[in-house]
């Protein structure tokens, strides 16, 4: 549970930040697909495009749910890490006195 300042996944904090950025990118892509789908529905002869965009919508929605679940898990782990590190510091303090 040591924390280095190295790569993007060296700490829970950096992993959480990365997944947060991923969530923003997926949300942006999802909004774009919804806009594209709305335009495609109004376009004559674009049935295949509408079907493809619906599939993309479904896959992006699944990804959004998984990324959100990952954020929740990472947040729980960060909280537990802080709790455990705080308990160790709290337990070590009386011994030093």
PDB file of N, CA and C in Angstrom:
ATOM      1  N   UNK A   1       0.799  -1.194   0.000  1.00  0.00           N
ATOM      2  CA  UNK A   1       0.000   0.000   0.000  1.00  0.00           C
ATOM      3  C   UNK A   1       0.846   1.264   0.000  1.00  0.00           C
ATOM      4  N   UNK A   2       2.091   1.147  -0.346  1.00  0.00           N
ATOM      5  CA  UNK A   2       2.925   2.336  -0.425  1.00  0.00           C
ATOM      6  C   UNK A   2       2.538   3.140  -1.645  1.00  0.00           C
ATOM      7  N   UNK A   3       2.772   4.428  -1.566  1.00  0.00           N
ATOM      8  CA  UNK A   3       2.383   5.308  -2.659  1.00  0.00           C
ATOM      9  C   UNK A   3       3.619   5.912  -3.300  1.00  0.00           C
ATOM     10  N   UNK A   4       3.828   5.620  -4.576  1.00  0.00           N
ATOM     11  CA  UNK A   4       4.901   6.218  -5.356  1.00  0.00           C
ATOM     12  C   UNK A   4       4.287   7.254  -6.271  1.00  0.00           C
ATOM     13  N   UNK A   5       5.076   8.164  -6.756  1.00  0.00           N
ATOM     14  CA  UNK A   5       4.578   9.183  -7.660  1.00  0.00           C
ATOM     15  C   UNK A   5       4.836   8.836  -9.119  1.00  0.00           C
ATOM     16  N   UNK A   6       4.992   7.548  -9.453  1.00  0.00           N
ATOM     17  CA  UNK A   6       5.381   7.121 -10.785  1.00  0.00           C
ATOM     18  C   UNK A   6       4.296   7.207 -11.827  1.00  0.00           C
ATOM     19  N   UNK A   7       3.866   6.061 -12.345  1.00  0.00           N
ATOM     20  CA  UNK A   7       2.935   5.976 -13.465  1.00  0.00           C
ATOM     21  C   UNK A   7       1.498   6.231 -13.088  1.00  0.00           C
ATOM     22  N   UNK A   8       0.615   6.118 -14.101  1.00  0.00           N
ATOM     23  CA  UNK A   8      -0.788   6.460 -13.879  1.00  0.00           C
ATOM     24  C   UNK A   8      -1.541   5.490 -12.976  1.00  0.00           C
ATOM     25  N   UNK A   9      -1.017   4.299 -12.758  1.00  0.00           N
ATOM     26  CA  UNK A   9      -1.722   3.334 -11.911  1.00  0.00           C
ATOM     27  C   UNK A   9      -0.883   2.909 -10.711  1.00  0.00           C
ATOM     28  N   UNK A  10       0.055   3.735 -10.323  1.00  0.00           N
ATOM     29  CA  UNK A  10       0.894   3.394  -9.177  1.00  0.00           C
ATOM     30  C   UNK A  10       0.158   3.555  -7.856  1.00  0.00           C
ATOM     31  N   UNK A  11      -0.863   4.386  -7.836  1.00  0.00           N
ATOM     32  CA  UNK A  11      -1.629   4.601  -6.613  1.00  0.00           C
ATOM     33  C   UNK A  11      -3.119   4.502  -6.925  1.00  0.00           C
ATOM     34  N   UNK A  12      -3.886   4.289  -5.888  1.00  0.00           N
ATOM     35  CA  UNK A  12      -5.342   4.294  -6.058  1.00  0.00           C
ATOM     36  C   UNK A  12      -5.830   5.677  -6.469  1.00  0.00           C
ATOM     37  N   UNK A  13      -5.181   6.714  -5.950  1.00  0.00           N
ATOM     38  CA  UNK A  13      -5.561   8.079  -6.301  1.00  0.00           C
ATOM     39  C   UNK A  13      -5.390   8.327  -7.797  1.00  0.00           C
ATOM     40  N   UNK A  14      -4.249   7.923  -8.343  1.00  0.00           N
ATOM     41  CA  UNK A  14      -4.004   8.172  -9.764  1.00  0.00           C
ATOM     42  C   UNK A  14      -4.915   7.300 -10.634  1.00  0.00           C
ATOM     43  N   UNK A  15      -5.194   6.085 -10.199  1.00  0.00           N
ATOM     44  CA  UNK A  15      -6.119   5.227 -10.940  1.00  0.00           C
ATOM     45  C   UNK A  15      -7.518   5.832 -10.932  1.00  0.00           C
ATOM     46  N   UNK A  16      -7.922   6.373  -9.793  1.00  0.00           N
ATOM     47  CA  UNK A  16      -9.235   7.017  -9.690  1.00  0.00           C
ATOM     48  C   UNK A  16      -9.318   8.222 -10.626  1.00  0.00           C
ATOM     49  N   UNK A  17      -8.258   9.027 -10.656  1.00  0.00           N
ATOM     50  CA  UNK A  17      -8.239  10.190 -11.546  1.00  0.00           C
ATOM     51  C   UNK A  17      -8.329   9.756 -13.008  1.00  0.00           C
ATOM     52  N   UNK A  18      -7.594   8.697 -13.373  1.00  0.00           N
ATOM     53  CA  UNK A  18      -7.633   8.208 -14.748  1.00  0.00           C
ATOM     54  C   UNK A  18      -9.024   7.724 -15.121  1.00  0.00           C
ATOM     55  N   UNK A  19      -9.650   6.944 -14.245  1.00  0.00           N
ATOM     56  CA  UNK A  19     -10.981   6.414 -14.532  1.00  0.00           C
ATOM     57  C   UNK A  19     -12.007   7.550 -14.565  1.00  0.00           C
ATOM     58  N   UNK A  20     -11.799   8.588 -13.775  1.00  0.00           N
ATOM     59  CA  UNK A  20     -12.683   9.760 -13.833  1.00  0.00           C
ATOM     60  C   UNK A  20     -12.593  10.432 -15.198  1.00  0.00           C
ATOM     61  N   UNK A  21     -11.375  10.555 -15.717  1.00  0.00           N
ATOM     62  CA  UNK A  21     -11.199  11.127 -17.058  1.00  0.00           C
ATOM     63  C   UNK A  21     -11.830  10.230 -18.123  1.00  0.00           C
ATOM     64  N   UNK A  22     -11.674   8.918 -17.940  1.00  0.00           N
ATOM     65  CA  UNK A  22     -12.303   7.975 -18.861  1.00  0.00           C
ATOM     66  C   UNK A  22     -13.812   8.130 -18.836  1.00  0.00           C
ATOM     67  N   UNK A  23     -14.368   8.313 -17.664  1.00  0.00           N
ATOM     68  CA  UNK A  23     -15.823   8.495 -17.546  1.00  0.00           C
ATOM     69  C   UNK A  23     -16.271   9.736 -18.309  1.00  0.00           C
ATOM     70  N   UNK A  24     -15.525  10.826 -18.179  1.00  0.00           N
ATOM     71  CA  UNK A  24     -15.870  12.043 -18.908  1.00  0.00           C
ATOM     72  C   UNK A  24     -15.828  11.812 -20.420  1.00  0.00           C
ATOM     73  N   UNK A  25     -14.806  11.110 -20.887  1.00  0.00           N
ATOM     74  CA  UNK A  25     -14.680  10.841 -22.328  1.00  0.00           C
ATOM     75  C   UNK A  25     -15.821   9.960 -22.818  1.00  0.00           C
ATOM     76  N   UNK A  26     -16.183   8.963 -22.047  1.00  0.00           N
ATOM     77  CA  UNK A  26     -17.284   8.078 -22.432  1.00  0.00           C
ATOM     78  C   UNK A  26     -18.601   8.837 -22.424  1.00  0.00           C
ATOM     79  N   UNK A  27     -18.800   9.698 -21.436  1.00  0.00           N
ATOM     80  CA  UNK A  27     -20.022  10.508 -21.392  1.00  0.00           C
ATOM     81  C   UNK A  27     -20.111  11.438 -22.596  1.00  0.00           C
ATOM     82  N   UNK A  28     -18.979  12.029 -22.978  1.00  0.00           N
ATOM     83  CA  UNK A  28     -18.961  12.888 -24.170  1.00  0.00           C
ATOM     84  C   UNK A  28     -19.312  12.089 -25.426  1.00  0.00           C
ATOM     85  N   UNK A  29     -18.711  10.910 -25.547  1.00  0.00           N
ATOM     86  CA  UNK A  29     -18.992  10.066 -26.709  1.00  0.00           C
ATOM     87  C   UNK A  29     -20.455   9.643 -26.729  1.00  0.00           C
ATOM     88  N   UNK A  30     -20.999   9.332 -25.576  1.00  0.00           N
ATOM     89  CA  UNK A  30     -22.396   8.926 -25.478  1.00  0.00           C
ATOM     90  C   UNK A  30     -23.319  10.051 -25.932  1.00  0.00           C
ATOM     91  N   UNK A  31     -23.034  11.274 -25.490  1.00  0.00           N
ATOM     92  CA  UNK A  31     -23.848  12.418 -25.897  1.00  0.00           C
ATOM     93  C   UNK A  31     -23.762  12.635 -27.407  1.00  0.00           C
ATOM     94  N   UNK A  32     -22.579  12.465 -27.961  1.00  0.00           N
ATOM     95  CA  UNK A  32     -22.401  12.615 -29.406  1.00  0.00           C
ATOM     96  C   UNK A  32     -23.203  11.567 -30.167  1.00  0.00           C
ATOM     97  N   UNK A  33     -23.188  10.341 -29.689  1.00  0.00           N
ATOM     98  CA  UNK A  33     -23.928   9.267 -30.345  1.00  0.00           C
ATOM     99  C   UNK A  33     -25.429   9.531 -30.269  1.00  0.00           C
ATOM    100  N   UNK A  34     -25.898  10.032 -29.157  1.00  0.00           N
ATOM    101  CA  UNK A  34     -27.325  10.359 -29.046  1.00  0.00           C
ATOM    102  C   UNK A  34     -27.720  11.434 -30.053  1.00  0.00           C
ATOM    103  N   UNK A  35     -26.867  12.439 -30.210  1.00  0.00           N
ATOM    104  CA  UNK A  35     -27.135  13.486 -31.203  1.00  0.00           C
ATOM    105  C   UNK A  35     -27.143  12.912 -32.619  1.00  0.00           C
ATOM    106  N   UNK A  36     -26.140  12.089 -32.914  1.00  0.00           N
ATOM    107  CA  UNK A  36     -26.049  11.465 -34.238  1.00  0.00           C
ATOM    108  C   UNK A  36     -27.259  10.583 -34.517  1.00  0.00           C
ATOM    109  N   UNK A  37     -27.696   9.836 -33.525  1.00  0.00           N
ATOM    110  CA  UNK A  37     -28.851   8.958 -33.694  1.00  0.00           C
ATOM    111  C   UNK A  37     -30.115   9.773 -33.974  1.00  0.00           C
ATOM    112  N   UNK A  38     -30.265  10.884 -33.275  1.00  0.00           N
ATOM    113  CA  UNK A  38     -31.431  11.739 -33.504  1.00  0.00           C
ATOM    114  C   UNK A  38     -31.433  12.278 -34.931  1.00  0.00           C
ATOM    115  N   UNK A  39     -30.271  12.659 -35.429  1.00  0.00           N
ATOM    116  CA  UNK A  39     -30.180  13.144 -36.816  1.00  0.00           C
ATOM    117  C   UNK A  39     -30.427  12.025 -37.814  1.00  0.00           C
ATOM    118  N   UNK A  40     -29.894  10.836 -37.523  1.00  0.00           N
ATOM    119  CA  UNK A  40     -30.032   9.710 -38.446  1.00  0.00           C
ATOM    120  C   UNK A  40     -31.490   9.261 -38.561  1.00  0.00           C
ATOM    121  N   UNK A  41     -32.236   9.332 -37.464  1.00  0.00           N
ATOM    122  CA  UNK A  41     -33.649   8.943 -37.490  1.00  0.00           C
ATOM    123  C   UNK A  41     -34.422   9.825 -38.456  1.00  0.00           C
ATOM    124  N   UNK A  42     -34.024  11.088 -38.548  1.00  0.00           N
ATOM    125  CA  UNK A  42     -34.719  12.033 -39.426  1.00  0.00           C
ATOM    126  C   UNK A  42     -34.254  11.937 -40.881  1.00  0.00           C
ATOM    127  N   UNK A  43     -33.184  11.200 -41.131  1.00  0.00           N
ATOM    128  CA  UNK A  43     -32.633  11.093 -42.481  1.00  0.00           C
ATOM    129  C   UNK A  43     -33.247   9.908 -43.212  1.00  0.00           C
ATOM    130  N   UNK A  44     -33.760  10.155 -44.374  1.00  0.00           N
ATOM    131  CA  UNK A  44     -34.380   9.102 -45.180  1.00  0.00           C
ATOM    132  C   UNK A  44     -33.290   8.153 -45.694  1.00  0.00           C
ATOM    133  N   UNK A  45     -33.555   6.862 -45.594  1.00  0.00           N
ATOM    134  CA  UNK A  45     -32.630   5.847 -46.092  1.00  0.00           C
ATOM    135  C   UNK A  45     -31.458   5.555 -45.162  1.00  0.00           C
ATOM    136  N   UNK A  46     -31.547   5.981 -43.907  1.00  0.00           N
ATOM    137  CA  UNK A  46     -30.435   5.781 -42.976  1.00  0.00           C
ATOM    138  C   UNK A  46     -30.762   4.711 -41.920  1.00  0.00           C
ATOM    139  N   UNK A  47     -31.558   3.723 -42.302  1.00  0.00           N
ATOM    140  CA  UNK A  47     -31.979   2.706 -41.333  1.00  0.00           C
ATOM    141  C   UNK A  47     -30.801   1.919 -40.778  1.00  0.00           C
ATOM    142  N   UNK A  48     -29.868   1.561 -41.647  1.00  0.00           N
ATOM    143  CA  UNK A  48     -28.692   0.803 -41.179  1.00  0.00           C
ATOM    144  C   UNK A  48     -27.842   1.646 -40.227  1.00  0.00           C
ATOM    145  N   UNK A  49     -27.735   2.924 -40.550  1.00  0.00           N
ATOM    146  CA  UNK A  49     -26.976   3.822 -39.668  1.00  0.00           C
ATOM    147  C   UNK A  49     -27.667   3.944 -38.315  1.00  0.00           C
ATOM    148  N   UNK A  50     -28.977   4.047 -38.321  1.00  0.00           N
ATOM    149  CA  UNK A  50     -29.728   4.120 -37.066  1.00  0.00           C
ATOM    150  C   UNK A  50     -29.511   2.849 -36.253  1.00  0.00           C
ATOM    151  N   UNK A  51     -29.579   1.689 -36.911  1.00  0.00           N
ATOM    152  CA  UNK A  51     -29.344   0.419 -36.210  1.00  0.00           C
ATOM    153  C   UNK A  51     -27.939   0.364 -35.618  1.00  0.00           C
ATOM    154  N   UNK A  52     -26.959   0.799 -36.400  1.00  0.00           N
ATOM    155  CA  UNK A  52     -25.570   0.797 -35.917  1.00  0.00           C
ATOM    156  C   UNK A  52     -25.406   1.746 -34.733  1.00  0.00           C
ATOM    157  N   UNK A  53     -26.019   2.908 -34.813  1.00  0.00           N
ATOM    158  CA  UNK A  53     -25.924   3.869 -33.716  1.00  0.00           C
ATOM    159  C   UNK A  53     -26.642   3.364 -32.466  1.00  0.00           C
ATOM    160  N   UNK A  54     -27.703   2.622 -32.641  1.00  0.00           N
ATOM    161  CA  UNK A  54     -28.384   2.023 -31.479  1.00  0.00           C
ATOM    162  C   UNK A  54     -27.483   0.989 -30.802  1.00  0.00           C
ATOM    163  N   UNK A  55     -26.755   0.237 -31.623  1.00  0.00           N
ATOM    164  CA  UNK A  55     -25.812  -0.735 -31.059  1.00  0.00           C
ATOM    165  C   UNK A  55     -24.676  -0.012 -30.324  1.00  0.00           C
ATOM    166  N   UNK A  56     -24.170   1.045 -30.916  1.00  0.00           N
ATOM    167  CA  UNK A  56     -23.127   1.844 -30.260  1.00  0.00           C
ATOM    168  C   UNK A  56     -23.666   2.428 -28.959  1.00  0.00           C
ATOM    169  N   UNK A  57     -24.898   2.919 -28.986  1.00  0.00           N
ATOM    170  CA  UNK A  57     -25.545   3.445 -27.783  1.00  0.00           C
ATOM    171  C   UNK A  57     -25.579   2.387 -26.687  1.00  0.00           C
ATOM    172  N   UNK A  58     -25.982   1.182 -27.047  1.00  0.00           N
ATOM    173  CA  UNK A  58     -26.048   0.090 -26.073  1.00  0.00           C
ATOM    174  C   UNK A  58     -24.675  -0.225 -25.496  1.00  0.00           C
ATOM    175  N   UNK A  59     -23.665  -0.337 -26.365  1.00  0.00           N
ATOM    176  CA  UNK A  59     -22.306  -0.670 -25.908  1.00  0.00           C
ATOM    177  C   UNK A  59     -21.720   0.447 -25.040  1.00  0.00           C
ATOM    178  N   UNK A  60     -21.927   1.699 -25.443  1.00  0.00           N
ATOM    179  CA  UNK A  60     -21.424   2.815 -24.638  1.00  0.00           C
ATOM    180  C   UNK A  60     -22.134   2.895 -23.292  1.00  0.00           C
ATOM    181  N   UNK A  61     -23.416   2.604 -23.286  1.00  0.00           N
ATOM    182  CA  UNK A  61     -24.143   2.604 -22.017  1.00  0.00           C
ATOM    183  C   UNK A  61     -23.608   1.517 -21.087  1.00  0.00           C
ATOM    184  N   UNK A  62     -23.300   0.360 -21.634  1.00  0.00           N
ATOM    185  CA  UNK A  62     -22.696  -0.710 -20.833  1.00  0.00           C
ATOM    186  C   UNK A  62     -21.341  -0.276 -20.290  1.00  0.00           C
ATOM    187  N   UNK A  63     -20.546   0.351 -21.158  1.00  0.00           N
ATOM    188  CA  UNK A  63     -19.241   0.841 -20.728  1.00  0.00           C
ATOM    189  C   UNK A  63     -19.391   1.901 -19.644  1.00  0.00           C
ATOM    190  N   UNK A  64     -20.341   2.800 -19.800  1.00  0.00           N
ATOM    191  CA  UNK A  64     -20.584   3.837 -18.790  1.00  0.00           C
ATOM    192  C   UNK A  64     -20.906   3.212 -17.439  1.00  0.00           C
ATOM    193  N   UNK A  65     -21.729   2.175 -17.433  1.00  0.00           N
ATOM    194  CA  UNK A  65     -22.090   1.511 -16.184  1.00  0.00           C
ATOM    195  C   UNK A  65     -20.875   0.837 -15.547  1.00  0.00           C
ATOM    196  N   UNK A  66     -20.046   0.207 -16.373  1.00  0.00           N
ATOM    197  CA  UNK A  66     -18.853  -0.456 -15.845  1.00  0.00           C
ATOM    198  C   UNK A  66     -17.828   0.548 -15.315  1.00  0.00           C
ATOM    199  N   UNK A  67     -17.676   1.662 -16.008  1.00  0.00           N
ATOM    200  CA  UNK A  67     -16.746   2.691 -15.547  1.00  0.00           C
ATOM    201  C   UNK A  67     -17.245   3.285 -14.223  1.00  0.00           C
ATOM    202  N   UNK A  68     -18.535   3.527 -14.134  1.00  0.00           N
ATOM    203  CA  UNK A  68     -19.093   4.042 -12.884  1.00  0.00           C
ATOM    204  C   UNK A  68     -18.884   3.048 -11.745  1.00  0.00           C
ATOM    205  N   UNK A  69     -19.103   1.765 -12.010  1.00  0.00           N
ATOM    206  CA  UNK A  69     -18.870   0.741 -10.988  1.00  0.00           C
ATOM    207  C   UNK A  69     -17.400   0.735 -10.573  1.00  0.00           C
ATOM    208  N   UNK A  70     -16.501   0.918 -11.536  1.00  0.00           N
ATOM    209  CA  UNK A  70     -15.068   0.974 -11.224  1.00  0.00           C
ATOM    210  C   UNK A  70     -14.743   2.178 -10.350  1.00  0.00           C
ATOM    211  N   UNK A  71     -15.361   3.315 -10.646  1.00  0.00           N
ATOM    212  CA  UNK A  71     -15.144   4.502  -9.821  1.00  0.00           C
ATOM    213  C   UNK A  71     -15.619   4.275  -8.389  1.00  0.00           C
ATOM    214  N   UNK A  72     -16.748   3.631  -8.245  1.00  0.00           N
ATOM    215  CA  UNK A  72     -17.269   3.353  -6.907  1.00  0.00           C
ATOM    216  C   UNK A  72     -16.323   2.423  -6.156  1.00  0.00           C
ATOM    217  N   UNK A  73     -15.848   1.373  -6.834  1.00  0.00           N
ATOM    218  CA  UNK A  73     -14.915   0.444  -6.190  1.00  0.00           C
ATOM    219  C   UNK A  73     -13.604   1.128  -5.817  1.00  0.00           C
ATOM    220  N   UNK A  74     -13.072   1.932  -6.720  1.00  0.00           N
ATOM    221  CA  UNK A  74     -11.834   2.656  -6.426  1.00  0.00           C
ATOM    222  C   UNK A  74     -12.025   3.624  -5.269  1.00  0.00           C
ATOM    223  N   UNK A  75     -13.156   4.282  -5.226  1.00  0.00           N
ATOM    224  CA  UNK A  75     -13.421   5.198  -4.121  1.00  0.00           C
ATOM    225  C   UNK A  75     -13.500   4.444  -2.796  1.00  0.00           C
ATOM    226  N   UNK A  76     -14.153   3.294  -2.805  1.00  0.00           N
ATOM    227  CA  UNK A  76     -14.216   2.474  -1.590  1.00  0.00           C
ATOM    228  C   UNK A  76     -12.823   2.046  -1.147  1.00  0.00           C
ATOM    229  N   UNK A  77     -12.000   1.636  -2.116  1.00  0.00           N
ATOM    230  CA  UNK A  77     -10.631   1.229  -1.783  1.00  0.00           C
ATOM    231  C   UNK A  77      -9.807   2.398  -1.258  1.00  0.00           C
ATOM    232  N   UNK A  78      -9.985   3.577  -1.824  1.00  0.00           N
ATOM    233  CA  UNK A  78      -9.271   4.757  -1.328  1.00  0.00           C
ATOM    234  C   UNK A  78      -9.683   5.061   0.111  1.00  0.00           C
ATOM    235  N   UNK A  79     -10.980   4.954   0.383  1.00  0.00           N
ATOM    236  CA  UNK A  79     -11.474   5.194   1.737  1.00  0.00           C
ATOM    237  C   UNK A  79     -10.892   4.185   2.714  1.00  0.00           C
ATOM    238  N   UNK A  80     -10.893   2.917   2.326  1.00  0.00           N
ATOM    239  CA  UNK A  80     -10.337   1.881   3.194  1.00  0.00           C
ATOM    240  C   UNK A  80      -8.839   2.062   3.390  1.00  0.00           C
ATOM    241  N   UNK A  81      -8.151   2.462   2.342  1.00  0.00           N
ATOM    242  CA  UNK A  81      -6.711   2.704   2.463  1.00  0.00           C
ATOM    243  C   UNK A  81      -6.442   3.835   3.464  1.00  0.00           C
ATOM    244  N   UNK A  82      -7.200   4.915   3.344  1.00  0.00           N
ATOM    245  CA  UNK A  82      -7.033   6.025   4.290  1.00  0.00           C
ATOM    246  C   UNK A  82      -7.330   5.578   5.716  1.00  0.00           C
ATOM    247  N   UNK A  83      -8.364   4.770   5.868  1.00  0.00           N
ATOM    248  CA  UNK A  83      -8.721   4.255   7.188  1.00  0.00           C
ATOM    249  C   UNK A  83      -7.598   3.403   7.755  1.00  0.00           C
ATOM    250  N   UNK A  84      -7.084   2.491   6.929  1.00  0.00           N
ATOM    251  CA  UNK A  84      -6.013   1.606   7.400  1.00  0.00           C
ATOM    252  C   UNK A  84      -4.736   2.375   7.703  1.00  0.00           C
ATOM    253  N   UNK A  85      -4.376   3.304   6.840  1.00  0.00           N
ATOM    254  CA  UNK A  85      -3.165   4.094   7.088  1.00  0.00           C
ATOM    255  C   UNK A  85      -3.346   4.988   8.300  1.00  0.00           C
ATOM    256  N   UNK A  86      -4.544   5.514   8.494  1.00  0.00           N
ATOM    257  CA  UNK A  86      -4.830   6.336   9.663  1.00  0.00           C
ATOM    258  C   UNK A  86      -4.766   5.535  10.946  1.00  0.00           C
ATOM    259  N   UNK A  87      -5.255   4.294  10.908  1.00  0.00           N
ATOM    260  CA  UNK A  87      -5.200   3.432  12.087  1.00  0.00           C
ATOM    261  C   UNK A  87      -3.760   3.084  12.431  1.00  0.00           C
ATOM    262  N   UNK A  88      -2.947   2.840  11.412  1.00  0.00           N
ATOM    263  CA  UNK A  88      -1.543   2.531  11.682  1.00  0.00           C
ATOM    264  C   UNK A  88      -0.841   3.712  12.304  1.00  0.00           C
ATOM    265  N   UNK A  89      -1.105   4.905  11.799  1.00  0.00           N
ATOM    266  CA  UNK A  89      -0.479   6.097  12.373  1.00  0.00           C
ATOM    267  C   UNK A  89      -1.000   6.327  13.792  1.00  0.00           C
ATOM    268  N   UNK A  90      -2.296   6.097  13.989  1.00  0.00           N
ATOM    269  CA  UNK A  90      -2.890   6.278  15.315  1.00  0.00           C
ATOM    270  C   UNK A  90      -2.358   5.263  16.320  1.00  0.00           C
ATOM    271  N   UNK A  91      -2.119   4.034  15.887  1.00  0.00           N
ATOM    272  CA  UNK A  91      -1.597   2.991  16.765  1.00  0.00           C
ATOM    273  C   UNK A  91      -0.126   3.224  17.072  1.00  0.00           C
ATOM    274  N   UNK A  92       0.614   3.791  16.125  1.00  0.00           N
ATOM    275  CA  UNK A  92       2.042   4.017  16.308  1.00  0.00           C
ATOM    276  C   UNK A  92       2.307   5.214  17.216  1.00  0.00           C
ATOM    277  N   UNK A  93       1.418   6.169  17.264  1.00  0.00           N
ATOM    278  CA  UNK A  93       1.636   7.402  18.031  1.00  0.00           C
ATOM    279  C   UNK A  93       1.790   7.148  19.528  1.00  0.00           C
ATOM    280  N   UNK A  94       0.924   6.336  20.181  1.00  0.00           N
ATOM    281  CA  UNK A  94       1.095   6.125  21.637  1.00  0.00           C
ATOM    282  C   UNK A  94       2.401   5.416  21.960  1.00  0.00           C
ATOM    283  N   UNK A  95       2.876   4.539  21.098  1.00  0.00           N
ATOM    284  CA  UNK A  95       4.117   3.822  21.360  1.00  0.00           C
ATOM    285  C   UNK A  95       5.313   4.763  21.371  1.00  0.00           C
ATOM    286  N   UNK A  96       5.244   5.821  20.555  1.00  0.00           N
ATOM    287  CA  UNK A  96       6.353   6.756  20.429  1.00  0.00           C
ATOM    288  C   UNK A  96       6.423   7.701  21.604  1.00  0.00           C
ATOM    289  N   UNK A  97       5.316   7.896  22.326  1.00  0.00           N
ATOM    290  CA  UNK A  97       5.279   8.864  23.424  1.00  0.00           C
ATOM    291  C   UNK A  97       6.069   8.427  24.616  1.00  0.00           C
TER     292      UNK A  97
END
